[in-house]
């Protein structure tokens, strides 16, 4: 009788082992795949620079000739650019559930930002917030709508400054939700 009790136990052990082998194999394949992905992306201890860093460096070299000195020399040629704090405003849609978060920079087309501008920033922000809250989602969601908004921003900034000092607006963040 003791021999019969051992036989079923051996059978269940064999079934457990046969289920365990595919699970271990799957885990090995999963770890190997994750390691390969990390190596390819250059993440973690698997490589020097990442592919993203290499691509970014290649793009910057193509645009700027690959020299950091060129940036310093061209600073005056690019013009004075003023970065404004982000704007968050409710849009004029029904229910007031949509809002706009926009960050942008103003290009004055000169070597530096005119001295009179910083003193007028509260007025500029007020006029721009009023502008943003008058817009609906449908008006600003298209590229044409964004271009129209750029032109209106320029007009309001130049209205506050009493002359055409601002030449361009560059959105650095534009989120509508």
N, C-alpha and C. Protein backbone atom coordinates (compact mmCIF):
# COMPACT_ATOMS: atom_id res chain seq x y z
N UNK A 1 0.78 -1.20 0.00
CA UNK A 1 0.00 0.00 0.00
C UNK A 1 0.83 1.28 0.00
N UNK A 2 1.93 1.33 0.72
CA UNK A 2 2.70 2.55 0.69
C UNK A 2 3.21 2.86 -0.71
N UNK A 3 3.44 1.85 -1.52
CA UNK A 3 3.93 2.10 -2.87
C UNK A 3 2.88 2.79 -3.73
N UNK A 4 1.62 2.46 -3.54
CA UNK A 4 0.54 3.07 -4.30
C UNK A 4 0.38 4.54 -3.94
N UNK A 5 0.61 4.93 -2.72
CA UNK A 5 0.49 6.32 -2.29
C UNK A 5 1.57 7.18 -2.93
N UNK A 6 2.72 6.61 -3.19
CA UNK A 6 3.81 7.38 -3.80
C UNK A 6 3.58 7.60 -5.28
N UNK A 7 2.95 6.71 -5.97
CA UNK A 7 2.75 6.83 -7.41
C UNK A 7 1.92 8.06 -7.79
N UNK A 8 0.78 8.34 -7.14
CA UNK A 8 0.04 9.54 -7.51
C UNK A 8 0.83 10.81 -7.22
N UNK A 9 1.63 10.82 -6.19
CA UNK A 9 2.43 12.00 -5.88
C UNK A 9 3.45 12.25 -6.97
N UNK A 10 4.03 11.21 -7.52
CA UNK A 10 4.99 11.38 -8.60
C UNK A 10 4.31 11.91 -9.86
N UNK A 11 3.10 11.51 -10.11
CA UNK A 11 2.36 11.98 -11.28
C UNK A 11 2.04 13.46 -11.19
N UNK A 12 1.67 13.95 -10.01
CA UNK A 12 1.36 15.37 -9.86
C UNK A 12 2.62 16.21 -9.96
N UNK A 13 3.75 15.65 -9.48
CA UNK A 13 5.01 16.39 -9.62
C UNK A 13 5.39 16.54 -11.08
N UNK A 14 5.17 15.53 -11.85
CA UNK A 14 5.48 15.59 -13.27
C UNK A 14 4.59 16.61 -13.98
N UNK A 15 3.32 16.68 -13.58
CA UNK A 15 2.41 17.67 -14.18
C UNK A 15 2.85 19.08 -13.81
N UNK A 16 3.28 19.28 -12.56
CA UNK A 16 3.74 20.60 -12.13
C UNK A 16 4.98 21.01 -12.91
N UNK A 17 5.91 20.09 -13.10
CA UNK A 17 7.13 20.38 -13.85
C UNK A 17 6.81 20.70 -15.30
N UNK A 18 5.87 20.00 -15.89
CA UNK A 18 5.52 20.25 -17.28
C UNK A 18 4.85 21.61 -17.46
N UNK A 19 4.20 22.13 -16.43
CA UNK A 19 3.60 23.47 -16.49
C UNK A 19 4.65 24.54 -16.20
N UNK A 20 5.64 24.20 -15.41
CA UNK A 20 6.65 25.16 -15.01
C UNK A 20 7.63 25.48 -16.15
N UNK A 21 7.93 24.54 -17.00
CA UNK A 21 8.88 24.74 -18.08
C UNK A 21 8.43 25.83 -19.06
N UNK A 22 7.18 25.82 -19.54
CA UNK A 22 6.77 26.92 -20.44
C UNK A 22 6.77 28.28 -19.75
N UNK A 23 6.44 28.32 -18.47
CA UNK A 23 6.44 29.59 -17.74
C UNK A 23 7.86 30.15 -17.64
N UNK A 24 8.82 29.29 -17.34
CA UNK A 24 10.22 29.74 -17.25
C UNK A 24 10.70 30.18 -18.63
N UNK A 25 10.36 29.43 -19.65
CA UNK A 25 10.74 29.81 -21.02
C UNK A 25 10.17 31.16 -21.41
N UNK A 26 8.91 31.41 -21.06
CA UNK A 26 8.27 32.70 -21.37
C UNK A 26 8.98 33.83 -20.64
N UNK A 27 9.34 33.61 -19.38
CA UNK A 27 10.03 34.64 -18.60
C UNK A 27 11.39 34.95 -19.21
N UNK A 28 12.11 33.94 -19.66
CA UNK A 28 13.42 34.15 -20.28
C UNK A 28 13.28 34.96 -21.56
N UNK A 29 12.29 34.63 -22.37
CA UNK A 29 12.05 35.35 -23.62
C UNK A 29 11.67 36.80 -23.33
N UNK A 30 10.85 37.02 -22.32
CA UNK A 30 10.43 38.37 -21.96
C UNK A 30 11.62 39.21 -21.49
N UNK A 31 12.46 38.65 -20.63
CA UNK A 31 13.63 39.37 -20.15
C UNK A 31 14.59 39.66 -21.30
N UNK A 32 14.79 38.70 -22.19
CA UNK A 32 15.68 38.90 -23.32
C UNK A 32 15.14 40.01 -24.23
N UNK A 33 13.84 40.03 -24.46
CA UNK A 33 13.24 41.07 -25.30
C UNK A 33 13.36 42.44 -24.68
N UNK A 34 13.12 42.54 -23.37
CA UNK A 34 13.25 43.82 -22.68
C UNK A 34 14.70 44.31 -22.71
N UNK A 35 15.64 43.40 -22.51
CA UNK A 35 17.05 43.76 -22.56
C UNK A 35 17.43 44.26 -23.95
N UNK A 36 16.96 43.59 -24.97
CA UNK A 36 17.24 44.00 -26.34
C UNK A 36 16.66 45.39 -26.63
N UNK A 37 15.45 45.64 -26.14
CA UNK A 37 14.83 46.95 -26.36
C UNK A 37 15.62 48.04 -25.63
N UNK A 38 16.02 47.78 -24.40
CA UNK A 38 16.80 48.77 -23.66
C UNK A 38 18.15 49.02 -24.33
N UNK A 39 18.78 47.97 -24.83
CA UNK A 39 20.05 48.13 -25.52
C UNK A 39 19.87 48.98 -26.77
N UNK A 40 18.83 48.70 -27.54
CA UNK A 40 18.58 49.44 -28.78
C UNK A 40 18.34 50.92 -28.49
N UNK A 41 17.57 51.21 -27.42
CA UNK A 41 17.27 52.60 -27.08
C UNK A 41 18.42 53.28 -26.35
N UNK A 42 19.40 52.50 -25.90
CA UNK A 42 20.54 53.08 -25.19
C UNK A 42 20.19 53.51 -23.78
N UNK A 43 19.22 52.84 -23.17
CA UNK A 43 18.76 53.18 -21.83
C UNK A 43 19.48 52.31 -20.81
N UNK A 44 19.76 52.89 -19.64
CA UNK A 44 20.35 52.13 -18.55
C UNK A 44 21.82 51.84 -18.81
N UNK A 45 22.30 50.74 -18.25
CA UNK A 45 23.72 50.43 -18.37
C UNK A 45 24.08 49.72 -19.67
N UNK A 46 23.20 49.82 -20.67
CA UNK A 46 23.36 49.03 -21.89
C UNK A 46 24.03 49.78 -23.02
N UNK A 47 24.53 50.95 -22.80
CA UNK A 47 25.17 51.65 -23.91
C UNK A 47 25.52 53.06 -23.55
N UNK A 48 26.26 53.68 -24.40
CA UNK A 48 26.69 55.06 -24.19
C UNK A 48 25.55 56.03 -24.36
N UNK A 49 25.53 56.71 -25.48
CA UNK A 49 24.49 57.69 -25.72
C UNK A 49 23.28 57.02 -26.35
N UNK A 50 22.13 57.60 -26.10
CA UNK A 50 20.91 57.03 -26.66
C UNK A 50 20.75 57.47 -28.11
N UNK A 51 19.91 56.76 -28.84
CA UNK A 51 19.65 57.10 -30.24
C UNK A 51 19.03 58.50 -30.33
N UNK A 52 18.19 58.84 -29.33
CA UNK A 52 17.55 60.15 -29.33
C UNK A 52 18.60 61.26 -29.20
N UNK A 53 19.55 61.06 -28.30
CA UNK A 53 20.60 62.07 -28.11
C UNK A 53 21.44 62.22 -29.37
N UNK A 54 21.75 61.10 -30.03
CA UNK A 54 22.52 61.16 -31.27
C UNK A 54 21.75 61.89 -32.36
N UNK A 55 20.45 61.61 -32.47
CA UNK A 55 19.63 62.26 -33.49
C UNK A 55 19.52 63.75 -33.22
N UNK A 56 19.33 64.12 -31.96
CA UNK A 56 19.23 65.52 -31.60
C UNK A 56 20.52 66.26 -31.91
N UNK A 57 21.64 65.64 -31.59
CA UNK A 57 22.93 66.27 -31.87
C UNK A 57 23.14 66.45 -33.37
N UNK A 58 22.72 65.46 -34.16
CA UNK A 58 22.87 65.55 -35.61
C UNK A 58 22.02 66.68 -36.18
N UNK A 59 20.82 66.84 -35.66
CA UNK A 59 19.94 67.91 -36.14
C UNK A 59 20.52 69.26 -35.78
N UNK A 60 20.99 69.40 -34.53
CA UNK A 60 21.55 70.68 -34.11
C UNK A 60 22.79 71.04 -34.92
N UNK A 61 23.62 70.06 -35.24
CA UNK A 61 24.80 70.33 -36.05
C UNK A 61 24.41 70.79 -37.45
N UNK A 62 23.37 70.20 -38.00
CA UNK A 62 22.93 70.58 -39.34
C UNK A 62 22.37 71.98 -39.38
N UNK A 63 21.67 72.39 -38.32
CA UNK A 63 21.06 73.71 -38.29
C UNK A 63 22.07 74.81 -37.99
N UNK A 64 23.01 74.50 -37.10
CA UNK A 64 23.90 75.55 -36.63
C UNK A 64 25.33 75.39 -37.10
N UNK A 65 25.58 74.46 -37.99
CA UNK A 65 26.93 74.27 -38.47
C UNK A 65 27.81 73.53 -37.49
N UNK A 66 27.24 73.06 -36.39
CA UNK A 66 27.97 72.26 -35.44
C UNK A 66 28.88 73.04 -34.53
N UNK A 67 28.80 74.34 -34.46
CA UNK A 67 29.70 75.12 -33.63
C UNK A 67 28.90 75.89 -32.59
N UNK A 68 29.31 75.77 -31.34
CA UNK A 68 28.65 76.49 -30.27
C UNK A 68 28.95 77.99 -30.36
N UNK A 69 30.10 78.34 -30.95
CA UNK A 69 30.46 79.75 -31.07
C UNK A 69 29.47 80.48 -31.98
N UNK A 70 28.91 79.78 -32.96
CA UNK A 70 27.96 80.40 -33.88
C UNK A 70 26.73 80.91 -33.13
N UNK A 71 26.31 80.19 -32.08
CA UNK A 71 25.15 80.61 -31.32
C UNK A 71 25.40 81.97 -30.68
N UNK A 72 26.56 82.16 -30.11
CA UNK A 72 26.87 83.44 -29.47
C UNK A 72 26.96 84.56 -30.51
N UNK A 73 27.52 84.26 -31.66
CA UNK A 73 27.66 85.28 -32.69
C UNK A 73 26.31 85.66 -33.30
N UNK A 74 25.40 84.68 -33.44
CA UNK A 74 24.11 84.93 -34.08
C UNK A 74 23.06 85.43 -33.11
N UNK A 75 23.38 85.52 -31.83
CA UNK A 75 22.38 85.94 -30.85
C UNK A 75 21.79 87.29 -31.21
N UNK A 76 22.63 88.25 -31.57
CA UNK A 76 22.15 89.57 -31.92
C UNK A 76 21.38 89.56 -33.23
N UNK A 77 21.72 88.67 -34.14
CA UNK A 77 21.06 88.61 -35.44
C UNK A 77 19.65 88.04 -35.33
N UNK A 78 19.44 87.16 -34.34
CA UNK A 78 18.12 86.55 -34.19
C UNK A 78 17.11 87.52 -33.59
N UNK A 79 17.56 88.51 -32.90
CA UNK A 79 16.65 89.49 -32.34
C UNK A 79 16.34 89.22 -30.89
N UNK A 80 15.85 90.28 -30.24
CA UNK A 80 15.46 90.16 -28.84
C UNK A 80 14.15 89.40 -28.73
N UNK A 81 14.18 88.33 -27.98
CA UNK A 81 12.99 87.51 -27.80
C UNK A 81 12.65 87.49 -26.33
N UNK A 82 11.40 87.76 -26.02
CA UNK A 82 10.92 87.77 -24.64
C UNK A 82 9.98 86.60 -24.42
N UNK A 83 10.32 85.74 -23.46
CA UNK A 83 9.46 84.61 -23.11
C UNK A 83 8.48 85.06 -22.04
N UNK A 84 7.21 84.83 -22.28
CA UNK A 84 6.18 85.19 -21.30
C UNK A 84 5.81 83.97 -20.46
N UNK A 85 5.33 84.24 -19.27
CA UNK A 85 4.83 83.17 -18.40
C UNK A 85 3.62 82.52 -19.08
N UNK A 86 3.34 81.26 -18.76
CA UNK A 86 2.19 80.58 -19.39
C UNK A 86 0.86 81.29 -19.09
N UNK A 87 -0.03 81.22 -20.04
CA UNK A 87 -1.39 81.75 -19.90
C UNK A 87 -2.33 80.56 -19.77
N UNK A 88 -3.23 80.62 -18.80
CA UNK A 88 -4.28 79.61 -18.68
C UNK A 88 -5.60 80.38 -18.62
N UNK A 89 -6.50 80.07 -19.56
CA UNK A 89 -7.75 80.81 -19.64
C UNK A 89 -8.89 79.89 -20.05
N UNK A 90 -10.06 80.13 -19.49
CA UNK A 90 -11.26 79.42 -19.92
C UNK A 90 -11.67 79.96 -21.28
N UNK A 91 -12.09 79.06 -22.15
CA UNK A 91 -12.55 79.48 -23.47
C UNK A 91 -14.02 79.86 -23.39
N UNK A 92 -14.50 80.53 -24.43
CA UNK A 92 -15.87 81.05 -24.46
C UNK A 92 -16.89 80.00 -24.89
N UNK A 93 -16.53 78.73 -24.85
CA UNK A 93 -17.46 77.67 -25.22
C UNK A 93 -18.58 77.55 -24.19
N UNK A 94 -19.69 76.91 -24.60
CA UNK A 94 -20.82 76.72 -23.69
C UNK A 94 -20.38 75.91 -22.47
N UNK A 95 -20.78 76.36 -21.33
CA UNK A 95 -20.47 75.63 -20.10
C UNK A 95 -19.12 75.96 -19.51
N UNK A 96 -18.25 76.59 -20.24
CA UNK A 96 -16.94 76.95 -19.73
C UNK A 96 -16.07 75.76 -19.34
N UNK A 97 -16.26 74.63 -20.00
CA UNK A 97 -15.52 73.43 -19.65
C UNK A 97 -14.17 73.33 -20.36
N UNK A 98 -13.99 74.07 -21.39
CA UNK A 98 -12.73 74.01 -22.13
C UNK A 98 -11.83 75.15 -21.70
N UNK A 99 -10.53 74.83 -21.70
CA UNK A 99 -9.57 75.88 -21.37
C UNK A 99 -8.36 75.80 -22.28
N UNK A 100 -7.62 76.88 -22.30
CA UNK A 100 -6.43 77.00 -23.12
C UNK A 100 -5.24 77.24 -22.21
N UNK A 101 -4.17 76.52 -22.46
CA UNK A 101 -2.89 76.82 -21.81
C UNK A 101 -1.92 77.12 -22.95
N UNK A 102 -1.40 78.32 -22.96
CA UNK A 102 -0.50 78.73 -24.03
C UNK A 102 0.73 79.40 -23.43
N UNK A 103 1.87 79.03 -23.95
CA UNK A 103 3.13 79.68 -23.62
C UNK A 103 3.73 80.11 -24.95
N UNK A 104 4.22 81.33 -24.99
CA UNK A 104 4.80 81.80 -26.23
C UNK A 104 5.88 82.83 -25.96
N UNK A 105 6.60 83.14 -27.02
CA UNK A 105 7.67 84.13 -26.96
C UNK A 105 7.39 85.20 -27.99
N UNK A 106 7.80 86.40 -27.65
CA UNK A 106 7.60 87.54 -28.54
C UNK A 106 8.95 87.95 -29.11
N UNK A 107 9.02 88.03 -30.43
CA UNK A 107 10.24 88.44 -31.12
C UNK A 107 10.11 89.91 -31.48
N UNK A 108 11.09 90.70 -31.03
CA UNK A 108 11.07 92.13 -31.31
C UNK A 108 11.94 92.51 -32.51
N UNK A 109 12.65 91.56 -33.08
CA UNK A 109 13.42 91.80 -34.29
C UNK A 109 14.61 92.71 -34.10
N UNK A 110 15.01 92.93 -32.86
CA UNK A 110 16.18 93.76 -32.57
C UNK A 110 17.17 92.93 -31.77
N UNK A 111 18.30 93.54 -31.47
CA UNK A 111 19.33 92.83 -30.72
C UNK A 111 18.89 92.52 -29.30
N UNK A 112 17.99 93.32 -28.76
CA UNK A 112 17.50 93.08 -27.40
C UNK A 112 16.07 93.57 -27.26
N UNK A 113 15.43 93.13 -26.20
CA UNK A 113 14.04 93.53 -25.92
C UNK A 113 14.05 95.01 -25.56
N UNK A 114 13.16 95.81 -26.16
CA UNK A 114 13.12 97.24 -25.83
C UNK A 114 12.90 97.46 -24.33
N UNK A 115 13.52 98.49 -23.80
CA UNK A 115 13.49 98.77 -22.37
C UNK A 115 12.09 99.07 -21.85
N UNK A 116 11.20 99.57 -22.68
CA UNK A 116 9.86 99.93 -22.23
C UNK A 116 8.92 98.73 -22.05
N UNK A 117 9.31 97.58 -22.55
CA UNK A 117 8.42 96.42 -22.55
C UNK A 117 8.16 95.84 -21.16
N UNK A 118 9.19 95.58 -20.34
CA UNK A 118 8.91 94.96 -19.03
C UNK A 118 7.92 95.74 -18.16
N UNK A 119 7.94 97.06 -18.23
CA UNK A 119 7.02 97.86 -17.44
C UNK A 119 5.58 97.71 -17.91
N UNK A 120 5.38 97.32 -19.16
CA UNK A 120 4.04 97.18 -19.73
C UNK A 120 3.50 95.75 -19.70
N UNK A 121 4.25 94.81 -19.14
CA UNK A 121 3.81 93.41 -19.15
C UNK A 121 2.48 93.16 -18.45
N UNK A 122 2.17 93.83 -17.34
CA UNK A 122 0.83 93.60 -16.76
C UNK A 122 -0.31 93.98 -17.71
N UNK A 123 -0.14 95.06 -18.44
CA UNK A 123 -1.16 95.47 -19.41
C UNK A 123 -1.24 94.47 -20.57
N UNK A 124 -0.09 94.00 -21.01
CA UNK A 124 -0.06 93.01 -22.09
C UNK A 124 -0.78 91.75 -21.65
N UNK A 125 -0.46 91.25 -20.45
CA UNK A 125 -1.10 90.02 -19.96
C UNK A 125 -2.61 90.19 -19.84
N UNK A 126 -3.05 91.36 -19.37
CA UNK A 126 -4.48 91.61 -19.22
C UNK A 126 -5.19 91.56 -20.57
N UNK A 127 -4.65 92.25 -21.56
CA UNK A 127 -5.27 92.25 -22.89
C UNK A 127 -5.27 90.86 -23.52
N UNK A 128 -4.19 90.11 -23.30
CA UNK A 128 -4.12 88.77 -23.89
C UNK A 128 -5.07 87.80 -23.19
N UNK A 129 -5.21 87.91 -21.88
CA UNK A 129 -6.18 87.04 -21.19
C UNK A 129 -7.60 87.34 -21.66
N UNK A 130 -7.89 88.61 -21.87
CA UNK A 130 -9.20 88.98 -22.39
C UNK A 130 -9.42 88.41 -23.78
N UNK A 131 -8.38 88.45 -24.59
CA UNK A 131 -8.45 87.87 -25.94
C UNK A 131 -8.70 86.37 -25.87
N UNK A 132 -7.94 85.67 -25.05
CA UNK A 132 -8.07 84.20 -24.97
C UNK A 132 -9.46 83.78 -24.48
N UNK A 133 -10.00 84.51 -23.52
CA UNK A 133 -11.31 84.12 -22.99
C UNK A 133 -12.45 84.45 -23.96
N UNK A 134 -12.16 85.22 -24.99
CA UNK A 134 -13.20 85.52 -25.99
C UNK A 134 -13.22 84.48 -27.12
N UNK A 135 -12.26 83.59 -27.14
CA UNK A 135 -12.15 82.60 -28.22
C UNK A 135 -12.86 81.30 -27.84
N UNK A 136 -13.35 80.61 -28.88
CA UNK A 136 -13.93 79.28 -28.68
C UNK A 136 -12.95 78.23 -29.19
N UNK A 137 -13.21 77.00 -28.79
CA UNK A 137 -12.37 75.88 -29.22
C UNK A 137 -12.33 75.79 -30.74
N UNK A 138 -13.47 75.92 -31.40
CA UNK A 138 -13.53 75.80 -32.85
C UNK A 138 -12.73 76.89 -33.56
N UNK A 139 -12.60 78.05 -32.94
CA UNK A 139 -11.85 79.15 -33.55
C UNK A 139 -10.34 78.93 -33.51
N UNK A 140 -9.84 78.21 -32.51
CA UNK A 140 -8.38 78.12 -32.35
C UNK A 140 -7.81 76.72 -32.58
N UNK A 141 -8.65 75.76 -32.90
CA UNK A 141 -8.15 74.39 -33.04
C UNK A 141 -7.44 74.13 -34.37
N UNK A 142 -7.71 74.91 -35.39
CA UNK A 142 -7.09 74.69 -36.70
C UNK A 142 -5.80 75.51 -36.84
N UNK A 143 -4.94 75.14 -37.75
CA UNK A 143 -3.73 75.95 -37.99
C UNK A 143 -4.07 77.40 -38.39
N UNK A 144 -5.13 77.55 -39.17
CA UNK A 144 -5.54 78.90 -39.56
C UNK A 144 -6.00 79.69 -38.35
N UNK A 145 -6.69 79.03 -37.44
CA UNK A 145 -7.14 79.69 -36.21
C UNK A 145 -5.98 80.12 -35.34
N UNK A 146 -4.97 79.28 -35.27
CA UNK A 146 -3.77 79.63 -34.49
C UNK A 146 -3.03 80.81 -35.14
N UNK A 147 -2.97 80.83 -36.46
CA UNK A 147 -2.33 81.94 -37.14
C UNK A 147 -3.11 83.24 -36.90
N UNK A 148 -4.42 83.16 -36.95
CA UNK A 148 -5.25 84.34 -36.66
C UNK A 148 -5.02 84.81 -35.22
N UNK A 149 -4.91 83.86 -34.29
CA UNK A 149 -4.64 84.21 -32.89
C UNK A 149 -3.28 84.88 -32.76
N UNK A 150 -2.28 84.40 -33.48
CA UNK A 150 -0.95 85.04 -33.47
C UNK A 150 -1.05 86.51 -33.89
N UNK A 151 -1.78 86.74 -34.97
CA UNK A 151 -1.92 88.11 -35.48
C UNK A 151 -2.64 89.00 -34.47
N UNK A 152 -3.65 88.45 -33.81
CA UNK A 152 -4.37 89.23 -32.81
C UNK A 152 -3.49 89.50 -31.58
N UNK A 153 -2.66 88.53 -31.21
CA UNK A 153 -1.73 88.74 -30.09
C UNK A 153 -0.76 89.87 -30.43
N UNK A 154 -0.20 89.83 -31.64
CA UNK A 154 0.72 90.90 -32.06
C UNK A 154 0.03 92.26 -32.04
N UNK A 155 -1.18 92.31 -32.53
CA UNK A 155 -1.91 93.58 -32.56
C UNK A 155 -2.13 94.12 -31.15
N UNK A 156 -2.48 93.24 -30.21
CA UNK A 156 -2.72 93.69 -28.83
C UNK A 156 -1.43 94.12 -28.15
N UNK A 157 -0.35 93.41 -28.39
CA UNK A 157 0.93 93.79 -27.79
C UNK A 157 1.37 95.15 -28.32
N UNK A 158 1.28 95.33 -29.63
CA UNK A 158 1.68 96.62 -30.22
C UNK A 158 0.74 97.75 -29.82
N UNK A 159 -0.52 97.41 -29.53
CA UNK A 159 -1.47 98.41 -29.04
C UNK A 159 -1.01 98.94 -27.68
N UNK A 160 -0.57 98.07 -26.80
CA UNK A 160 -0.09 98.48 -25.48
C UNK A 160 1.19 99.28 -25.59
N UNK A 161 2.08 98.89 -26.49
CA UNK A 161 3.38 99.55 -26.62
C UNK A 161 3.32 100.82 -27.47
N UNK A 162 2.17 101.13 -28.06
CA UNK A 162 1.94 102.33 -28.87
C UNK A 162 2.78 102.41 -30.13
N UNK A 163 3.41 101.32 -30.54
CA UNK A 163 4.11 101.26 -31.82
C UNK A 163 4.32 99.81 -32.20
N UNK A 164 4.78 99.60 -33.40
CA UNK A 164 4.97 98.23 -33.91
C UNK A 164 6.34 97.69 -33.50
N UNK A 165 6.50 97.41 -32.21
CA UNK A 165 7.77 96.86 -31.73
C UNK A 165 7.82 95.34 -31.89
N UNK A 166 6.71 94.68 -31.59
CA UNK A 166 6.66 93.22 -31.69
C UNK A 166 6.52 92.82 -33.15
N UNK A 167 7.35 91.87 -33.57
CA UNK A 167 7.36 91.45 -34.97
C UNK A 167 6.78 90.05 -35.18
N UNK A 168 6.91 89.16 -34.19
CA UNK A 168 6.43 87.79 -34.36
C UNK A 168 6.11 87.18 -32.99
N UNK A 169 5.24 86.17 -33.03
CA UNK A 169 4.89 85.40 -31.84
C UNK A 169 5.17 83.95 -32.15
N UNK A 170 5.87 83.29 -31.23
CA UNK A 170 6.20 81.88 -31.39
C UNK A 170 5.59 81.10 -30.23
N UNK A 171 4.65 80.20 -30.55
CA UNK A 171 4.06 79.36 -29.51
C UNK A 171 5.07 78.29 -29.12
N UNK A 172 5.30 78.14 -27.84
CA UNK A 172 6.16 77.06 -27.35
C UNK A 172 5.34 75.99 -26.64
N UNK A 173 4.10 76.31 -26.33
CA UNK A 173 3.16 75.35 -25.74
C UNK A 173 1.76 75.83 -26.08
N UNK A 174 0.93 74.90 -26.53
CA UNK A 174 -0.43 75.26 -26.90
C UNK A 174 -1.32 74.06 -26.64
N UNK A 175 -2.05 74.12 -25.54
CA UNK A 175 -2.89 72.99 -25.13
C UNK A 175 -4.32 73.49 -24.97
N UNK A 176 -5.24 72.80 -25.60
CA UNK A 176 -6.65 73.10 -25.43
C UNK A 176 -7.32 71.82 -24.95
N UNK A 177 -8.06 71.96 -23.88
CA UNK A 177 -8.71 70.76 -23.34
C UNK A 177 -10.14 71.07 -23.00
